Amino acid sequence: MTALATSTTRTSRRIHVTDRRSTWQRLDVVVVGSTAALLVLGSLLVWSATAGRAALTGGDGSEYIVRHLTNMAVGLVLAALIAATDHRWVRIWAPVVYLGAVIGLGLVLSPLGAVINGSRSWILVGGLSIQPAEFAKLGVVAGMALLLAERTEARRSAALRGWDVLAALAIAAVPAGLILAQPDLGTLLVLAATVFGLLAVAGAPRRWLVGLVAAALAGTVAAVQLGVLQGYQLLRFEAFINPALDPQGAGYNTVQARIAIGNGGLFGQGLFHGSQTQSGFVPEQHTDFVFTVAGEELGLVGAGALIALLLALLWRACRIAVRADDMFGRLAGGGIVCWFGFQAFQNIGMCLGIMPVTGVPLPLVSYGGTSMFASLMAVGLLLNIHLRTERSIGLGVVLRERMARSRRF
């Protein structure tokens, strides 16, 4: 008994030492570093894309960069709050985030909604514009992860059943339907890829995954045949297939984006010196086509560095998801990887002409308050999962040491 008490006392002291590490000492360096680098690089690109455009800024070259930095500051506060929140509270708040996103998507279709660039995707409140579809991505990831985790944990089995898949699809179907009604095809594609990837990570039966792909193809054909897509959206797909079809119309964005990136060469023309960028030839260059600024002004080296930072973040997010000690963390982390990965591919791909123009921002880089908030909240969730895993690993080491010492006595 004395030996056991001594072992327990030593273990308690060991646990006390392990727990004494601050939250910030246990943060994932790669996630924090790559996110910070993307934010800094994105700020420079947004500044360069807007500073010289008097028609856009009203003569105040610092207007957009100030807004962008403000959005970043708010997003970083949200990320820090989520990262530092107890894991149990994150799970409790997941349904709230989901319901808030659904309510916001419903308000978009009400008289409060505003049409910008042909899509009714915004709510204008005073001088602020909010795009609830960005929060819907986070809401669907959190909602599906919570549902599947609760079901598998209740059965104490990681295997998914058909009803589990249907319930998860029902969670995604509500915001997807509201997004389709806007219509916001780019966000819908990102959401579909995220849902598919999350179900694959959760271990959904292969027949369900094949069925989802078949249903998506059938749904695309039906949407075209029934006229669900707007005329300008169909023209964009036609211009993607044949860029020379309408170079001054539907294909204009892609043509100008390719010219800008091609002008950059190996090392670029230098920040604030890109000929296409400073002349304003590329539309929406501070948002959807921000990658063209990197290509033109920083060249292949700078654009490659941006892609490398995104890949580093995705790689580390995969590691966090794999090492997570619970199903919710594993699925939420996997869902964020699918979201960020496909959206970055879609954004960069449409700038390079290998994907159709659908109007999605580049995560953590493009200008846009709602997108920045949602992306940084997702990074905060990744850090929360990592911190919980690190804490569990630390306590696991302590318990193994305790067992080893107890055997000696």
Protein backbone atom coordinates (compact mmCIF):
# COMPACT_ATOMS: atom_id res chain seq x y z
CA MET A 1 0.00 0.00 0.00
CA THR A 2 2.84 2.36 0.85
CA ALA A 3 4.58 1.61 -2.45
CA LEU A 4 1.33 2.15 -4.35
CA ALA A 5 0.69 5.42 -2.52
CA THR A 6 4.21 6.53 -3.34
CA SER A 7 3.68 5.63 -7.01
CA THR A 8 0.36 7.50 -7.07
CA THR A 9 1.95 10.55 -5.50
CA ARG A 10 4.75 10.53 -8.06
CA THR A 11 2.20 10.15 -10.85
CA SER A 12 0.10 13.04 -9.53
CA ARG A 13 3.17 15.21 -9.51
CA ARG A 14 3.96 14.10 -13.05
CA ILE A 15 0.43 14.95 -14.21
CA HIS A 16 0.70 18.33 -12.55
CA VAL A 17 3.90 19.05 -14.44
CA THR A 18 2.36 17.96 -17.76
CA ASP A 19 -0.78 20.04 -17.29
CA ARG A 20 1.27 23.08 -16.35
CA ARG A 21 2.15 23.70 -20.02
CA SER A 22 0.15 26.63 -21.34
CA THR A 23 -2.27 26.28 -24.23
CA TRP A 24 -0.03 28.32 -26.50
CA GLN A 25 2.96 26.04 -25.85
CA ARG A 26 0.99 23.09 -27.20
CA LEU A 27 -0.21 24.79 -30.39
CA ASP A 28 0.63 23.16 -33.71
CA VAL A 29 3.53 25.20 -35.11
CA VAL A 30 2.88 24.23 -38.74
CA VAL A 31 -0.81 25.18 -38.64
CA VAL A 32 -0.12 28.47 -36.91
CA GLY A 33 2.89 29.30 -39.08
CA SER A 34 1.32 28.46 -42.43
CA THR A 35 -1.90 30.27 -41.51
CA ALA A 36 0.01 33.38 -40.45
CA ALA A 37 2.09 33.33 -43.64
CA LEU A 38 -1.03 32.97 -45.80
CA LEU A 39 -2.68 35.88 -43.99
CA VAL A 40 0.35 38.12 -44.49
CA LEU A 41 0.76 37.14 -48.14
CA GLY A 42 -2.96 37.56 -48.77
CA SER A 43 -2.90 41.04 -47.25
CA LEU A 44 -0.10 42.11 -49.59
CA LEU A 45 -1.94 40.71 -52.61
CA VAL A 46 -5.23 42.39 -51.67
CA TRP A 47 -3.41 45.69 -51.06
CA SER A 48 -1.69 45.50 -54.45
CA ALA A 49 -4.94 44.59 -56.24
CA THR A 50 -6.91 47.52 -54.76
CA ALA A 51 -4.50 50.37 -53.93
CA GLY A 52 -4.32 51.76 -57.46
CA ARG A 53 -7.96 51.32 -58.48
CA ALA A 54 -9.65 54.62 -57.85
CA ALA A 55 -12.94 53.41 -59.34
CA LEU A 56 -13.05 50.62 -56.77
CA THR A 57 -11.78 52.48 -53.71
CA GLY A 58 -13.19 55.93 -54.41
CA GLY A 59 -9.70 57.41 -54.36
CA ASP A 60 -8.71 55.98 -50.97
CA GLY A 61 -6.03 53.39 -51.78
CA SER A 62 -5.93 52.10 -48.19
CA GLU A 63 -9.67 51.47 -47.84
CA TYR A 64 -9.68 47.78 -48.74
CA ILE A 65 -6.49 46.82 -46.95
CA VAL A 66 -7.79 48.43 -43.75
CA ARG A 67 -11.03 46.47 -44.05
CA HIS A 68 -9.08 43.30 -44.81
CA LEU A 69 -6.87 43.72 -41.74
CA THR A 70 -9.94 44.41 -39.61
CA ASN A 71 -11.58 41.22 -40.87
CA MET A 72 -8.38 39.32 -40.09
CA ALA A 73 -8.28 40.69 -36.54
CA VAL A 74 -11.88 39.66 -35.87
CA GLY A 75 -11.28 36.25 -37.42
CA LEU A 76 -8.17 35.67 -35.32
CA VAL A 77 -10.12 36.46 -32.15
CA LEU A 78 -12.79 33.93 -33.17
CA ALA A 79 -10.11 31.34 -33.95
CA ALA A 80 -8.43 31.90 -30.57
CA LEU A 81 -11.74 31.55 -28.72
CA ILE A 82 -12.55 28.26 -30.47
CA ALA A 83 -9.03 26.89 -29.99
CA ALA A 84 -9.12 27.64 -26.25
CA THR A 85 -12.68 26.40 -25.67
CA ASP A 86 -13.22 23.11 -23.86
CA HIS A 87 -13.80 20.30 -26.36
CA ARG A 88 -17.18 19.46 -24.84
CA TRP A 89 -18.42 22.99 -25.44
CA VAL A 90 -17.30 22.82 -29.06
CA ARG A 91 -19.59 19.82 -29.54
CA ILE A 92 -22.43 21.60 -27.76
CA TRP A 93 -22.09 24.67 -29.98
CA ALA A 94 -21.91 22.68 -33.24
CA PRO A 95 -25.74 22.54 -33.69
CA VAL A 96 -25.94 26.27 -32.95
CA VAL A 97 -23.46 27.05 -35.74
CA TYR A 98 -25.41 24.83 -38.12
CA LEU A 99 -28.80 26.34 -37.26
CA GLY A 100 -27.38 29.86 -37.47
CA ALA A 101 -26.06 29.15 -40.98
CA VAL A 102 -29.42 27.72 -42.10
CA ILE A 103 -31.29 30.72 -40.72
CA GLY A 104 -28.86 33.05 -42.47
CA LEU A 105 -29.36 31.22 -45.78
CA GLY A 106 -33.10 31.58 -45.31
CA LEU A 107 -32.76 35.33 -44.75
CA VAL A 108 -30.78 35.62 -47.98
CA LEU A 109 -33.88 34.52 -49.91
CA SER A 110 -36.05 37.02 -48.02
CA PRO A 111 -36.35 40.75 -48.81
CA LEU A 112 -33.19 41.25 -46.71
CA GLY A 113 -31.13 39.44 -49.35
CA ALA A 114 -29.14 41.33 -51.98
CA VAL A 115 -28.08 40.31 -55.49
CA ILE A 116 -24.37 40.79 -56.23
CA ASN A 117 -22.75 39.49 -59.42
CA GLY A 118 -25.93 37.68 -60.42
CA SER A 119 -26.26 35.67 -57.21
CA ARG A 120 -28.62 36.39 -54.32
CA SER A 121 -26.07 35.34 -51.70
CA TRP A 122 -25.71 38.36 -49.45
CA ILE A 123 -27.39 40.11 -46.55
CA LEU A 124 -26.71 43.84 -46.32
CA VAL A 125 -26.79 45.17 -42.75
CA GLY A 126 -25.84 48.82 -42.58
CA GLY A 127 -22.49 49.04 -44.33
CA LEU A 128 -21.72 45.34 -43.84
CA SER A 129 -22.31 42.54 -46.34
CA ILE A 130 -22.65 39.02 -44.94
CA GLN A 131 -22.54 35.81 -46.99
CA PRO A 132 -24.14 33.06 -44.85
CA ALA A 133 -23.07 30.35 -47.32
CA GLU A 134 -19.51 30.67 -46.00
CA PHE A 135 -20.69 29.82 -42.48
CA ALA A 136 -22.76 26.98 -43.95
CA LYS A 137 -19.55 25.13 -44.87
CA LEU A 138 -18.41 25.17 -41.25
CA GLY A 139 -21.93 24.42 -40.02
CA VAL A 140 -22.29 21.35 -42.23
CA VAL A 141 -18.85 20.03 -41.22
CA ALA A 142 -19.60 20.49 -37.51
CA GLY A 143 -23.18 19.19 -37.79
CA MET A 144 -22.33 16.06 -39.76
CA ALA A 145 -19.30 15.30 -37.59
CA LEU A 146 -21.40 15.59 -34.42
CA LEU A 147 -24.24 13.43 -35.74
CA LEU A 148 -22.00 10.63 -37.00
CA ALA A 149 -19.85 10.75 -33.86
CA GLU A 150 -22.89 10.54 -31.56
CA ARG A 151 -24.34 7.60 -33.49
CA THR A 152 -21.13 5.56 -33.65
CA GLU A 153 -20.20 6.29 -30.04
CA ALA A 154 -23.66 5.27 -28.84
CA ARG A 155 -23.26 1.90 -30.58
CA ARG A 156 -19.57 1.67 -29.67
CA SER A 157 -18.91 0.78 -33.28
CA ALA A 158 -17.13 2.80 -35.95
CA ALA A 159 -19.09 1.15 -38.78
CA LEU A 160 -21.66 3.39 -40.47
CA ARG A 161 -25.11 2.13 -41.32
CA GLY A 162 -27.39 3.22 -44.12
CA TRP A 163 -29.56 5.29 -41.79
CA ASP A 164 -26.47 7.10 -40.51
CA VAL A 165 -25.54 8.13 -44.05
CA LEU A 166 -29.10 9.25 -44.79
CA ALA A 167 -29.24 11.32 -41.61
CA ALA A 168 -25.92 12.97 -42.46
CA LEU A 169 -27.11 13.71 -45.99
CA ALA A 170 -30.29 15.24 -44.58
CA ILE A 171 -28.17 17.65 -42.54
CA ALA A 172 -26.31 18.70 -45.68
CA ALA A 173 -29.42 18.79 -47.90
CA VAL A 174 -31.08 21.73 -46.13
CA PRO A 175 -28.30 24.30 -46.64
CA ALA A 176 -27.48 22.80 -50.06
CA GLY A 177 -31.05 23.40 -51.23
CA LEU A 178 -31.01 26.99 -49.96
CA ILE A 179 -27.65 27.63 -51.66
CA LEU A 180 -28.95 26.18 -54.94
CA ALA A 181 -31.93 28.55 -54.75
CA GLN A 182 -29.63 31.61 -54.67
CA PRO A 183 -28.03 30.20 -56.94
CA ASP A 184 -24.39 29.95 -55.77
CA LEU A 185 -22.92 27.15 -57.82
CA GLY A 186 -19.33 27.57 -56.55
CA THR A 187 -20.29 27.19 -52.90
CA LEU A 188 -22.57 24.26 -53.76
CA LEU A 189 -19.67 22.43 -55.43
CA VAL A 190 -17.42 23.03 -52.42
CA LEU A 191 -20.16 21.83 -50.08
CA ALA A 192 -20.77 18.70 -52.17
CA ALA A 193 -17.06 17.82 -52.21
CA THR A 194 -16.86 18.40 -48.46
CA VAL A 195 -19.86 16.17 -47.71
CA PHE A 196 -18.52 13.40 -49.97
CA GLY A 197 -15.08 13.57 -48.37
CA LEU A 198 -16.48 13.61 -44.84
CA LEU A 199 -18.59 10.52 -45.51
CA ALA A 200 -15.56 8.78 -46.99
CA VAL A 201 -13.50 9.61 -43.89
CA ALA A 202 -16.35 8.34 -41.71
CA GLY A 203 -16.19 4.98 -43.47
CA ALA A 204 -19.44 5.09 -45.43
CA PRO A 205 -20.05 1.91 -47.49
CA ARG A 206 -18.62 2.09 -51.01
CA ARG A 207 -22.02 1.62 -52.61
CA TRP A 208 -23.20 4.84 -50.96
CA LEU A 209 -20.20 6.79 -52.24
CA VAL A 210 -20.69 5.47 -55.79
CA GLY A 211 -24.38 6.26 -55.53
CA LEU A 212 -23.64 9.83 -54.45
CA VAL A 213 -21.39 10.37 -57.47
CA ALA A 214 -24.07 9.00 -59.78
CA ALA A 215 -26.73 11.16 -58.12
CA ALA A 216 -24.52 14.26 -58.49
CA LEU A 217 -24.06 13.62 -62.22
CA ALA A 218 -27.79 13.03 -62.69
CA GLY A 219 -28.58 16.15 -60.68
CA THR A 220 -26.23 18.25 -62.83
CA VAL A 221 -27.93 17.09 -66.03
CA ALA A 222 -31.36 17.73 -64.52
CA ALA A 223 -30.35 21.22 -63.35
CA VAL A 224 -29.27 22.13 -66.89
CA GLN A 225 -32.36 20.61 -68.50
CA LEU A 226 -34.80 22.20 -66.05
CA GLY A 227 -33.20 25.64 -66.25
CA VAL A 228 -32.18 25.74 -62.58
CA LEU A 229 -28.83 27.32 -63.50
CA GLN A 230 -28.74 30.91 -64.65
CA GLY A 231 -27.79 31.77 -68.22
CA TYR A 232 -24.50 33.37 -67.21
CA GLN A 233 -23.54 30.21 -65.32
CA LEU A 234 -24.11 28.04 -68.39
CA LEU A 235 -22.08 30.49 -70.47
CA ARG A 236 -19.19 30.15 -68.01
CA PHE A 237 -19.16 26.39 -68.47
CA GLU A 238 -19.28 26.79 -72.24
CA ALA A 239 -16.41 29.27 -72.06
CA PHE A 240 -14.46 26.79 -69.91
CA ILE A 241 -14.87 24.10 -72.55
CA ASN A 242 -14.04 26.53 -75.36
CA PRO A 243 -12.17 29.65 -74.08
CA ALA A 244 -12.23 31.22 -77.57
CA LEU A 245 -16.04 31.10 -77.65
CA ASP A 246 -16.62 34.53 -76.08
CA PRO A 247 -13.30 36.17 -75.06
CA GLN A 248 -14.96 39.55 -74.46
CA GLY A 249 -17.89 38.11 -72.53
CA ALA A 250 -18.17 34.87 -70.53
CA GLY A 251 -14.54 33.96 -71.22
CA TYR A 252 -13.11 37.38 -70.39
CA ASN A 253 -12.15 36.59 -66.79
CA THR A 254 -10.28 33.43 -67.69
CA VAL A 255 -8.46 35.01 -70.63
CA GLN A 256 -7.28 37.98 -68.54
CA ALA A 257 -6.33 35.74 -65.64
CA ARG A 258 -4.11 33.62 -67.89
CA ILE A 259 -2.47 36.72 -69.37
CA ALA A 260 -1.74 38.08 -65.88
CA ILE A 261 -0.20 34.83 -64.64
CA GLY A 262 1.76 34.42 -67.86
CA ASN A 263 3.22 37.92 -67.44
CA GLY A 264 4.80 36.94 -64.14
CA GLY A 265 7.41 34.58 -65.49
CA LEU A 266 9.73 33.03 -62.91
CA PHE A 267 10.13 35.83 -60.36
CA GLY A 268 7.25 38.18 -61.25
CA GLN A 269 7.06 41.87 -62.03
CA GLY A 270 7.20 42.89 -58.38
CA LEU A 271 4.51 43.81 -55.86
CA PHE A 272 2.46 46.84 -56.96
CA HIS A 273 4.06 46.65 -60.43
CA GLY A 274 1.99 44.03 -62.28
CA SER A 275 0.83 45.46 -65.60
CA GLN A 276 -2.48 43.59 -65.72
CA THR A 277 -3.13 44.04 -62.01
CA GLN A 278 -2.39 47.74 -61.78
CA SER A 279 -4.33 48.45 -64.98
CA GLY A 280 -7.41 46.68 -63.62
CA PHE A 281 -7.85 44.22 -66.48
CA VAL A 282 -8.69 41.23 -64.26
CA PRO A 283 -12.16 41.53 -62.64
CA GLU A 284 -12.68 40.68 -58.96
CA GLN A 285 -8.92 40.39 -58.53
CA HIS A 286 -8.95 41.06 -54.79
CA THR A 287 -11.49 38.30 -54.15
CA ASP A 288 -12.02 35.38 -56.55
CA PHE A 289 -8.95 36.03 -58.74
CA VAL A 290 -6.44 37.02 -56.06
CA PHE A 291 -4.14 34.19 -57.18
CA THR A 292 -3.51 36.06 -60.43
CA VAL A 293 -1.86 38.85 -58.43
CA ALA A 294 0.58 36.32 -56.98
CA GLY A 295 1.23 34.84 -60.41
CA GLU A 296 1.90 38.18 -62.08
CA GLU A 297 3.71 40.12 -59.37
CA LEU A 298 5.51 37.29 -57.55
CA GLY A 299 5.95 34.93 -60.48
CA LEU A 300 6.15 31.16 -60.44
CA VAL A 301 8.28 31.26 -57.28
CA GLY A 302 5.81 33.39 -55.30
CA ALA A 303 2.71 31.59 -56.57
CA GLY A 304 4.41 28.26 -55.86
CA ALA A 305 5.20 29.40 -52.32
CA LEU A 306 1.53 30.28 -51.79
CA ILE A 307 0.48 26.80 -52.96
CA ALA A 308 3.19 25.24 -50.75
CA LEU A 309 1.78 27.05 -47.71
CA LEU A 310 -1.71 25.78 -48.49
CA LEU A 311 -0.36 22.24 -48.89
CA ALA A 312 1.51 22.49 -45.58
CA LEU A 313 -1.70 23.54 -43.83
CA LEU A 314 -3.66 20.71 -45.45
CA TRP A 315 -0.95 18.15 -44.65
CA ARG A 316 -0.90 19.13 -41.00
CA ALA A 317 -4.69 19.20 -40.85
CA CYS A 318 -4.67 15.61 -42.16
CA ARG A 319 -2.24 14.64 -39.39
CA ILE A 320 -4.44 16.28 -36.77
CA ALA A 321 -7.50 14.42 -38.08
CA VAL A 322 -5.70 11.06 -38.14
CA ARG A 323 -4.32 11.48 -34.62
CA ALA A 324 -7.59 12.75 -33.10
CA ASP A 325 -8.65 10.65 -30.12
CA ASP A 326 -12.40 10.80 -30.80
CA MET A 327 -14.70 10.41 -33.80
CA PHE A 328 -15.91 14.01 -33.74
CA GLY A 329 -12.39 15.38 -33.97
CA ARG A 330 -11.46 12.92 -36.70
CA LEU A 331 -14.48 13.78 -38.83
CA ALA A 332 -14.37 17.54 -38.23
CA GLY A 333 -10.68 17.64 -39.11
CA GLY A 334 -11.25 15.52 -42.23
CA GLY A 335 -14.16 17.71 -43.29
CA ILE A 336 -12.05 20.87 -42.99
CA VAL A 337 -9.32 19.27 -45.11
CA CYS A 338 -11.86 18.46 -47.85
CA TRP A 339 -13.37 21.95 -47.65
CA PHE A 340 -10.08 23.87 -47.81
CA GLY A 341 -8.51 21.47 -50.30
CA PHE A 342 -11.30 21.49 -52.88
CA GLN A 343 -12.00 25.22 -52.54
CA ALA A 344 -8.33 26.09 -53.02
CA PHE A 345 -8.16 23.76 -56.04
CA GLN A 346 -11.31 25.30 -57.50
CA ASN A 347 -10.10 28.88 -56.97
CA ILE A 348 -6.59 28.36 -58.33
CA GLY A 349 -7.91 26.09 -61.08
CA MET A 350 -10.28 28.72 -62.46
CA CYS A 351 -7.41 31.25 -62.49
CA LEU A 352 -5.32 28.79 -64.51
CA GLY A 353 -8.22 27.81 -66.78
CA ILE A 354 -8.39 24.17 -65.67
CA MET A 355 -11.66 24.68 -63.75
CA PRO A 356 -14.78 26.66 -64.69
CA VAL A 357 -15.30 30.11 -63.18
CA THR A 358 -17.66 29.66 -60.22
CA GLY A 359 -16.70 32.52 -57.92
CA VAL A 360 -15.22 31.07 -54.74
CA PRO A 361 -12.56 32.83 -52.63
CA LEU A 362 -9.13 31.43 -51.83
CA PRO A 363 -9.21 30.43 -48.13
CA LEU A 364 -7.25 32.75 -45.82
CA VAL A 365 -6.02 34.82 -48.79
CA SER A 366 -8.93 36.49 -50.62
CA TYR A 367 -10.64 39.66 -49.45
CA GLY A 368 -13.99 39.03 -47.78
CA GLY A 369 -15.10 39.26 -44.18
CA THR A 370 -17.46 36.27 -44.00
CA SER A 371 -15.03 33.99 -45.80
CA MET A 372 -12.19 35.10 -43.53
CA PHE A 373 -14.26 34.56 -40.38
CA ALA A 374 -15.38 31.06 -41.42
CA SER A 375 -11.88 30.01 -42.55
CA LEU A 376 -10.19 31.18 -39.35
CA MET A 377 -12.90 29.58 -37.22
CA ALA A 378 -12.12 26.31 -39.03
CA VAL A 379 -8.42 26.78 -38.24
CA GLY A 380 -9.40 27.38 -34.61
CA LEU A 381 -11.34 24.10 -34.61
CA LEU A 382 -8.29 22.28 -36.00
CA LEU A 383 -6.16 23.71 -33.19
CA ASN A 384 -8.80 22.72 -30.63
CA ILE A 385 -8.70 19.11 -31.87
CA HIS A 386 -4.90 19.16 -31.79
CA LEU A 387 -4.75 20.56 -28.25
CA ARG A 388 -7.14 17.90 -26.96
CA THR A 389 -5.12 15.16 -28.66
CA GLU A 390 -1.83 16.47 -27.26
CA ARG A 391 -3.35 16.61 -23.79
CA SER A 392 -4.56 13.02 -24.09
CA ILE A 393 -1.18 11.83 -25.37
CA GLY A 394 0.56 13.58 -22.48
CA LEU A 395 -1.71 11.96 -19.91
CA GLY A 396 -1.33 8.61 -21.68
CA VAL A 397 2.44 8.80 -21.27
CA VAL A 398 1.96 9.59 -17.58
CA LEU A 399 -0.34 6.60 -17.09
CA ARG A 400 2.11 4.26 -18.81
CA GLU A 401 4.88 5.54 -16.55
CA ARG A 402 2.64 4.96 -13.55
CA MET A 403 1.96 1.36 -14.55
CA ALA A 404 5.64 0.70 -15.21
CA ARG A 405 6.61 2.07 -11.79
CA SER A 406 3.85 0.20 -9.99
CA ARG A 407 5.15 -3.09 -11.44
CA ARG A 408 8.59 -2.41 -9.91
CA PHE A 409 7.04 -2.43 -6.48
